[in-house]
Amino acid sequence: CSPGFQISEEWLALFASGEKRRQDQRLEQERQQQQYAARPLERGDLLRQAHQQGLYGVKGAERVRRLEAQLNASFDQLVDHGRPVTWPSVALRFVQPEGPL
């Protein structure tokens, strides 16, 4: 610290606890990311995949998955590009008109 600048022990403890909390949050986030990356496919996904393979065969199920992904991507792109107005589209703040009616 510079000679004209002093920090009390309480402030130092506060800064240290804040840094420790941020470090703990970083470690927890990394742990969750590793856990997410290492987790197996959900059972529902496996059942759906098996059902599709039974209906369409292995090659057909793969084609259906690709088509679904393409459809979802184009829908997301259209929604992002068009930015549709969500409900309510009418202003909720009603203002009294000025002047005589």
N, C-alpha and C. Protein backbone atom coordinates (compact mmCIF):
# COMPACT_ATOMS: atom_id res chain seq x y z
N CYS A 1 0.83 -1.19 0.00
CA CYS A 1 0.00 0.00 0.00
C CYS A 1 0.87 1.24 0.00
N SER A 2 0.37 2.30 -0.56
CA SER A 2 1.11 3.56 -0.55
C SER A 2 1.01 4.19 0.83
N PRO A 3 1.92 5.09 1.18
CA PRO A 3 1.92 5.67 2.53
C PRO A 3 0.65 6.46 2.85
N GLY A 4 0.00 7.07 1.88
CA GLY A 4 -1.19 7.85 2.14
C GLY A 4 -2.48 7.05 2.07
N PHE A 5 -2.39 5.77 1.80
CA PHE A 5 -3.59 4.96 1.60
C PHE A 5 -3.54 3.77 2.54
N GLN A 6 -4.51 3.70 3.45
CA GLN A 6 -4.55 2.60 4.40
C GLN A 6 -5.89 1.90 4.30
N ILE A 7 -5.85 0.58 4.42
CA ILE A 7 -7.05 -0.22 4.38
C ILE A 7 -7.18 -0.92 5.73
N SER A 8 -8.36 -0.83 6.29
CA SER A 8 -8.57 -1.46 7.60
C SER A 8 -8.63 -2.98 7.44
N GLU A 9 -8.47 -3.67 8.54
CA GLU A 9 -8.51 -5.13 8.54
C GLU A 9 -9.89 -5.65 8.11
N GLU A 10 -10.95 -4.91 8.46
CA GLU A 10 -12.29 -5.33 8.06
C GLU A 10 -12.44 -5.33 6.53
N TRP A 11 -11.91 -4.26 5.89
CA TRP A 11 -11.99 -4.19 4.44
C TRP A 11 -11.16 -5.29 3.78
N LEU A 12 -9.97 -5.54 4.34
CA LEU A 12 -9.15 -6.63 3.81
C LEU A 12 -9.87 -7.96 3.92
N ALA A 13 -10.53 -8.20 5.06
CA ALA A 13 -11.27 -9.44 5.25
C ALA A 13 -12.44 -9.51 4.27
N LEU A 14 -13.11 -8.39 4.04
CA LEU A 14 -14.22 -8.35 3.09
C LEU A 14 -13.74 -8.67 1.67
N PHE A 15 -12.63 -8.05 1.25
CA PHE A 15 -12.09 -8.32 -0.07
C PHE A 15 -11.64 -9.77 -0.20
N ALA A 16 -11.03 -10.31 0.85
CA ALA A 16 -10.58 -11.71 0.82
C ALA A 16 -11.76 -12.66 0.73
N SER A 17 -12.84 -12.37 1.47
CA SER A 17 -14.01 -13.25 1.41
C SER A 17 -14.67 -13.17 0.04
N GLY A 18 -14.71 -11.99 -0.56
CA GLY A 18 -15.27 -11.85 -1.90
C GLY A 18 -14.46 -12.61 -2.93
N GLU A 19 -13.16 -12.54 -2.84
CA GLU A 19 -12.30 -13.27 -3.77
C GLU A 19 -12.45 -14.78 -3.58
N LYS A 20 -12.57 -15.22 -2.33
CA LYS A 20 -12.76 -16.65 -2.06
C LYS A 20 -14.10 -17.12 -2.62
N ARG A 21 -15.14 -16.31 -2.47
CA ARG A 21 -16.45 -16.66 -3.00
C ARG A 21 -16.41 -16.78 -4.52
N ARG A 22 -15.75 -15.82 -5.19
CA ARG A 22 -15.62 -15.88 -6.65
C ARG A 22 -14.85 -17.12 -7.10
N GLN A 23 -13.79 -17.45 -6.36
CA GLN A 23 -13.01 -18.63 -6.70
C GLN A 23 -13.85 -19.90 -6.50
N ASP A 24 -14.62 -19.96 -5.42
CA ASP A 24 -15.49 -21.11 -5.18
C ASP A 24 -16.54 -21.24 -6.29
N GLN A 25 -17.10 -20.11 -6.72
CA GLN A 25 -18.08 -20.13 -7.80
C GLN A 25 -17.46 -20.62 -9.10
N ARG A 26 -16.23 -20.17 -9.39
CA ARG A 26 -15.53 -20.63 -10.59
C ARG A 26 -15.31 -22.14 -10.56
N LEU A 27 -14.86 -22.65 -9.40
CA LEU A 27 -14.63 -24.08 -9.26
C LEU A 27 -15.93 -24.87 -9.40
N GLU A 28 -17.01 -24.37 -8.82
CA GLU A 28 -18.30 -25.04 -8.92
C GLU A 28 -18.79 -25.05 -10.36
N GLN A 29 -18.60 -23.95 -11.08
CA GLN A 29 -19.01 -23.88 -12.48
C GLN A 29 -18.21 -24.86 -13.33
N GLU A 30 -16.90 -24.95 -13.08
CA GLU A 30 -16.08 -25.90 -13.82
C GLU A 30 -16.51 -27.33 -13.52
N ARG A 31 -16.83 -27.62 -12.25
CA ARG A 31 -17.26 -28.95 -11.87
C ARG A 31 -18.57 -29.30 -12.57
N GLN A 32 -19.50 -28.36 -12.62
CA GLN A 32 -20.78 -28.60 -13.28
C GLN A 32 -20.60 -28.81 -14.78
N GLN A 33 -19.69 -28.06 -15.40
CA GLN A 33 -19.44 -28.23 -16.83
C GLN A 33 -18.85 -29.61 -17.11
N GLN A 34 -17.93 -30.06 -16.26
CA GLN A 34 -17.35 -31.39 -16.44
C GLN A 34 -18.41 -32.46 -16.24
N GLN A 35 -19.27 -32.26 -15.26
CA GLN A 35 -20.34 -33.22 -14.99
C GLN A 35 -21.30 -33.28 -16.17
N TYR A 36 -21.63 -32.13 -16.73
CA TYR A 36 -22.55 -32.08 -17.86
C TYR A 36 -21.94 -32.77 -19.08
N ALA A 37 -20.66 -32.53 -19.32
CA ALA A 37 -20.00 -33.11 -20.49
C ALA A 37 -19.87 -34.63 -20.35
N ALA A 38 -19.73 -35.12 -19.13
CA ALA A 38 -19.50 -36.54 -18.91
C ALA A 38 -20.79 -37.34 -18.77
N ARG A 39 -21.94 -36.68 -18.70
CA ARG A 39 -23.17 -37.43 -18.44
C ARG A 39 -23.62 -38.18 -19.69
N PRO A 40 -24.17 -39.36 -19.50
CA PRO A 40 -24.63 -40.15 -20.66
C PRO A 40 -25.93 -39.58 -21.20
N LEU A 41 -26.32 -40.09 -22.36
CA LEU A 41 -27.60 -39.66 -22.93
C LEU A 41 -28.73 -40.00 -21.98
N GLU A 42 -29.71 -39.16 -21.96
CA GLU A 42 -30.88 -39.41 -21.11
C GLU A 42 -31.63 -40.62 -21.63
N ARG A 43 -32.31 -41.31 -20.74
CA ARG A 43 -33.04 -42.52 -21.11
C ARG A 43 -34.12 -42.21 -22.15
N GLY A 44 -34.78 -41.07 -22.03
CA GLY A 44 -35.80 -40.69 -23.00
C GLY A 44 -35.24 -40.57 -24.41
N ASP A 45 -34.03 -40.03 -24.52
CA ASP A 45 -33.40 -39.91 -25.83
C ASP A 45 -33.11 -41.28 -26.42
N LEU A 46 -32.65 -42.20 -25.58
CA LEU A 46 -32.36 -43.55 -26.06
C LEU A 46 -33.63 -44.25 -26.51
N LEU A 47 -34.71 -44.08 -25.75
CA LEU A 47 -35.97 -44.71 -26.12
C LEU A 47 -36.50 -44.13 -27.43
N ARG A 48 -36.40 -42.83 -27.58
CA ARG A 48 -36.86 -42.18 -28.82
C ARG A 48 -36.04 -42.65 -30.01
N GLN A 49 -34.73 -42.74 -29.80
CA GLN A 49 -33.85 -43.19 -30.87
C GLN A 49 -34.18 -44.63 -31.26
N ALA A 50 -34.41 -45.50 -30.28
CA ALA A 50 -34.76 -46.89 -30.57
C ALA A 50 -36.10 -46.97 -31.30
N HIS A 51 -37.06 -46.15 -30.88
CA HIS A 51 -38.38 -46.14 -31.53
C HIS A 51 -38.26 -45.70 -32.99
N GLN A 52 -37.48 -44.65 -33.23
CA GLN A 52 -37.29 -44.17 -34.60
C GLN A 52 -36.58 -45.21 -35.46
N GLN A 53 -35.61 -45.89 -34.88
CA GLN A 53 -34.92 -46.93 -35.65
C GLN A 53 -35.85 -48.08 -35.97
N GLY A 54 -36.78 -48.37 -35.06
CA GLY A 54 -37.76 -49.41 -35.34
C GLY A 54 -38.71 -49.01 -36.46
N LEU A 55 -39.08 -47.74 -36.49
CA LEU A 55 -40.00 -47.26 -37.52
C LEU A 55 -39.34 -47.08 -38.88
N TYR A 56 -38.16 -46.44 -38.89
CA TYR A 56 -37.55 -46.02 -40.14
C TYR A 56 -36.28 -46.78 -40.52
N GLY A 57 -35.79 -47.63 -39.65
CA GLY A 57 -34.51 -48.28 -39.89
C GLY A 57 -33.38 -47.35 -39.46
N VAL A 58 -32.17 -47.86 -39.46
CA VAL A 58 -31.03 -47.07 -38.97
C VAL A 58 -30.78 -45.85 -39.85
N LYS A 59 -30.73 -46.06 -41.17
CA LYS A 59 -30.46 -44.94 -42.08
C LYS A 59 -31.62 -43.95 -42.10
N GLY A 60 -32.84 -44.46 -42.07
CA GLY A 60 -34.01 -43.57 -42.07
C GLY A 60 -34.10 -42.74 -40.80
N ALA A 61 -33.78 -43.36 -39.66
CA ALA A 61 -33.83 -42.62 -38.39
C ALA A 61 -32.79 -41.51 -38.38
N GLU A 62 -31.62 -41.78 -38.93
CA GLU A 62 -30.58 -40.75 -39.02
C GLU A 62 -31.05 -39.61 -39.91
N ARG A 63 -31.70 -39.95 -41.01
CA ARG A 63 -32.21 -38.92 -41.93
C ARG A 63 -33.29 -38.08 -41.25
N VAL A 64 -34.18 -38.73 -40.49
CA VAL A 64 -35.23 -38.00 -39.77
C VAL A 64 -34.61 -37.06 -38.75
N ARG A 65 -33.58 -37.51 -38.03
CA ARG A 65 -32.92 -36.63 -37.05
C ARG A 65 -32.28 -35.43 -37.73
N ARG A 66 -31.66 -35.66 -38.89
CA ARG A 66 -31.05 -34.54 -39.63
C ARG A 66 -32.11 -33.55 -40.10
N LEU A 67 -33.23 -34.07 -40.61
CA LEU A 67 -34.31 -33.19 -41.07
C LEU A 67 -34.91 -32.39 -39.92
N GLU A 68 -35.09 -33.04 -38.77
CA GLU A 68 -35.62 -32.33 -37.60
C GLU A 68 -34.66 -31.23 -37.17
N ALA A 69 -33.37 -31.52 -37.15
CA ALA A 69 -32.38 -30.52 -36.76
C ALA A 69 -32.38 -29.35 -37.75
N GLN A 70 -32.50 -29.66 -39.04
CA GLN A 70 -32.54 -28.61 -40.06
C GLN A 70 -33.79 -27.74 -39.90
N LEU A 71 -34.92 -28.38 -39.64
CA LEU A 71 -36.17 -27.65 -39.45
C LEU A 71 -36.09 -26.75 -38.22
N ASN A 72 -35.56 -27.28 -37.12
CA ASN A 72 -35.41 -26.47 -35.91
C ASN A 72 -34.47 -25.30 -36.13
N ALA A 73 -33.38 -25.53 -36.86
CA ALA A 73 -32.43 -24.45 -37.12
C ALA A 73 -33.05 -23.36 -37.98
N SER A 74 -33.82 -23.74 -39.01
CA SER A 74 -34.43 -22.70 -39.85
C SER A 74 -35.53 -21.96 -39.09
N PHE A 75 -36.26 -22.66 -38.21
CA PHE A 75 -37.26 -21.98 -37.39
C PHE A 75 -36.58 -20.96 -36.47
N ASP A 76 -35.51 -21.38 -35.79
CA ASP A 76 -34.78 -20.46 -34.91
C ASP A 76 -34.24 -19.27 -35.68
N GLN A 77 -33.75 -19.52 -36.88
CA GLN A 77 -33.21 -18.42 -37.70
C GLN A 77 -34.31 -17.44 -38.08
N LEU A 78 -35.47 -17.95 -38.47
CA LEU A 78 -36.59 -17.07 -38.83
C LEU A 78 -37.07 -16.26 -37.63
N VAL A 79 -37.15 -16.90 -36.48
CA VAL A 79 -37.58 -16.19 -35.28
C VAL A 79 -36.57 -15.12 -34.90
N ASP A 80 -35.28 -15.46 -34.98
CA ASP A 80 -34.25 -14.48 -34.65
C ASP A 80 -34.24 -13.32 -35.64
N HIS A 81 -34.44 -13.62 -36.91
CA HIS A 81 -34.40 -12.59 -37.94
C HIS A 81 -35.64 -11.70 -37.90
N GLY A 82 -36.81 -12.32 -37.77
CA GLY A 82 -38.05 -11.56 -37.82
C GLY A 82 -38.41 -10.88 -36.52
N ARG A 83 -37.90 -11.38 -35.42
CA ARG A 83 -38.22 -10.86 -34.08
C ARG A 83 -39.72 -10.60 -33.94
N PRO A 84 -40.50 -11.67 -33.93
CA PRO A 84 -41.95 -11.49 -33.85
C PRO A 84 -42.35 -10.82 -32.53
N VAL A 85 -43.41 -10.03 -32.60
CA VAL A 85 -43.90 -9.32 -31.43
C VAL A 85 -44.63 -10.33 -30.55
N THR A 86 -44.29 -10.34 -29.29
CA THR A 86 -44.97 -11.25 -28.38
C THR A 86 -46.13 -10.52 -27.72
N TRP A 87 -47.08 -11.28 -27.22
CA TRP A 87 -48.24 -10.72 -26.58
C TRP A 87 -47.82 -10.03 -25.32
N PRO A 88 -48.37 -8.96 -24.89
CA PRO A 88 -49.39 -8.14 -25.53
C PRO A 88 -48.74 -7.13 -26.47
N SER A 89 -49.37 -6.93 -27.59
CA SER A 89 -48.83 -5.97 -28.54
C SER A 89 -49.46 -4.59 -28.35
N VAL A 90 -50.42 -4.49 -27.43
CA VAL A 90 -51.07 -3.23 -27.13
C VAL A 90 -50.40 -2.66 -25.88
N ALA A 91 -50.14 -1.38 -25.89
CA ALA A 91 -49.53 -0.75 -24.73
C ALA A 91 -50.45 -0.88 -23.52
N LEU A 92 -49.86 -1.19 -22.39
CA LEU A 92 -50.66 -1.37 -21.18
C LEU A 92 -50.83 -0.07 -20.41
N ARG A 93 -50.12 0.95 -20.80
CA ARG A 93 -50.23 2.24 -20.12
C ARG A 93 -51.24 3.08 -20.88
N PHE A 94 -52.38 3.27 -20.27
CA PHE A 94 -53.44 4.04 -20.91
C PHE A 94 -53.31 5.50 -20.50
N VAL A 95 -53.28 6.39 -21.49
CA VAL A 95 -53.11 7.81 -21.23
C VAL A 95 -54.40 8.51 -21.62
N GLN A 96 -54.85 9.40 -20.74
CA GLN A 96 -56.06 10.17 -21.03
C GLN A 96 -55.75 11.16 -22.14
N PRO A 97 -56.59 11.26 -23.15
CA PRO A 97 -56.36 12.24 -24.21
C PRO A 97 -56.52 13.66 -23.66
N GLU A 98 -55.74 14.56 -24.19
CA GLU A 98 -55.82 15.95 -23.75
C GLU A 98 -56.89 16.68 -24.54
N GLY A 99 -57.53 17.63 -23.91
CA GLY A 99 -58.54 18.43 -24.59
C GLY A 99 -59.93 17.85 -24.43
N PRO A 100 -60.93 18.58 -24.90
CA PRO A 100 -62.31 18.11 -24.76
C PRO A 100 -62.59 16.94 -25.70
N LEU A 101 -63.50 16.10 -25.27
CA LEU A 101 -63.88 14.96 -26.10
C LEU A 101 -65.01 15.29 -26.97
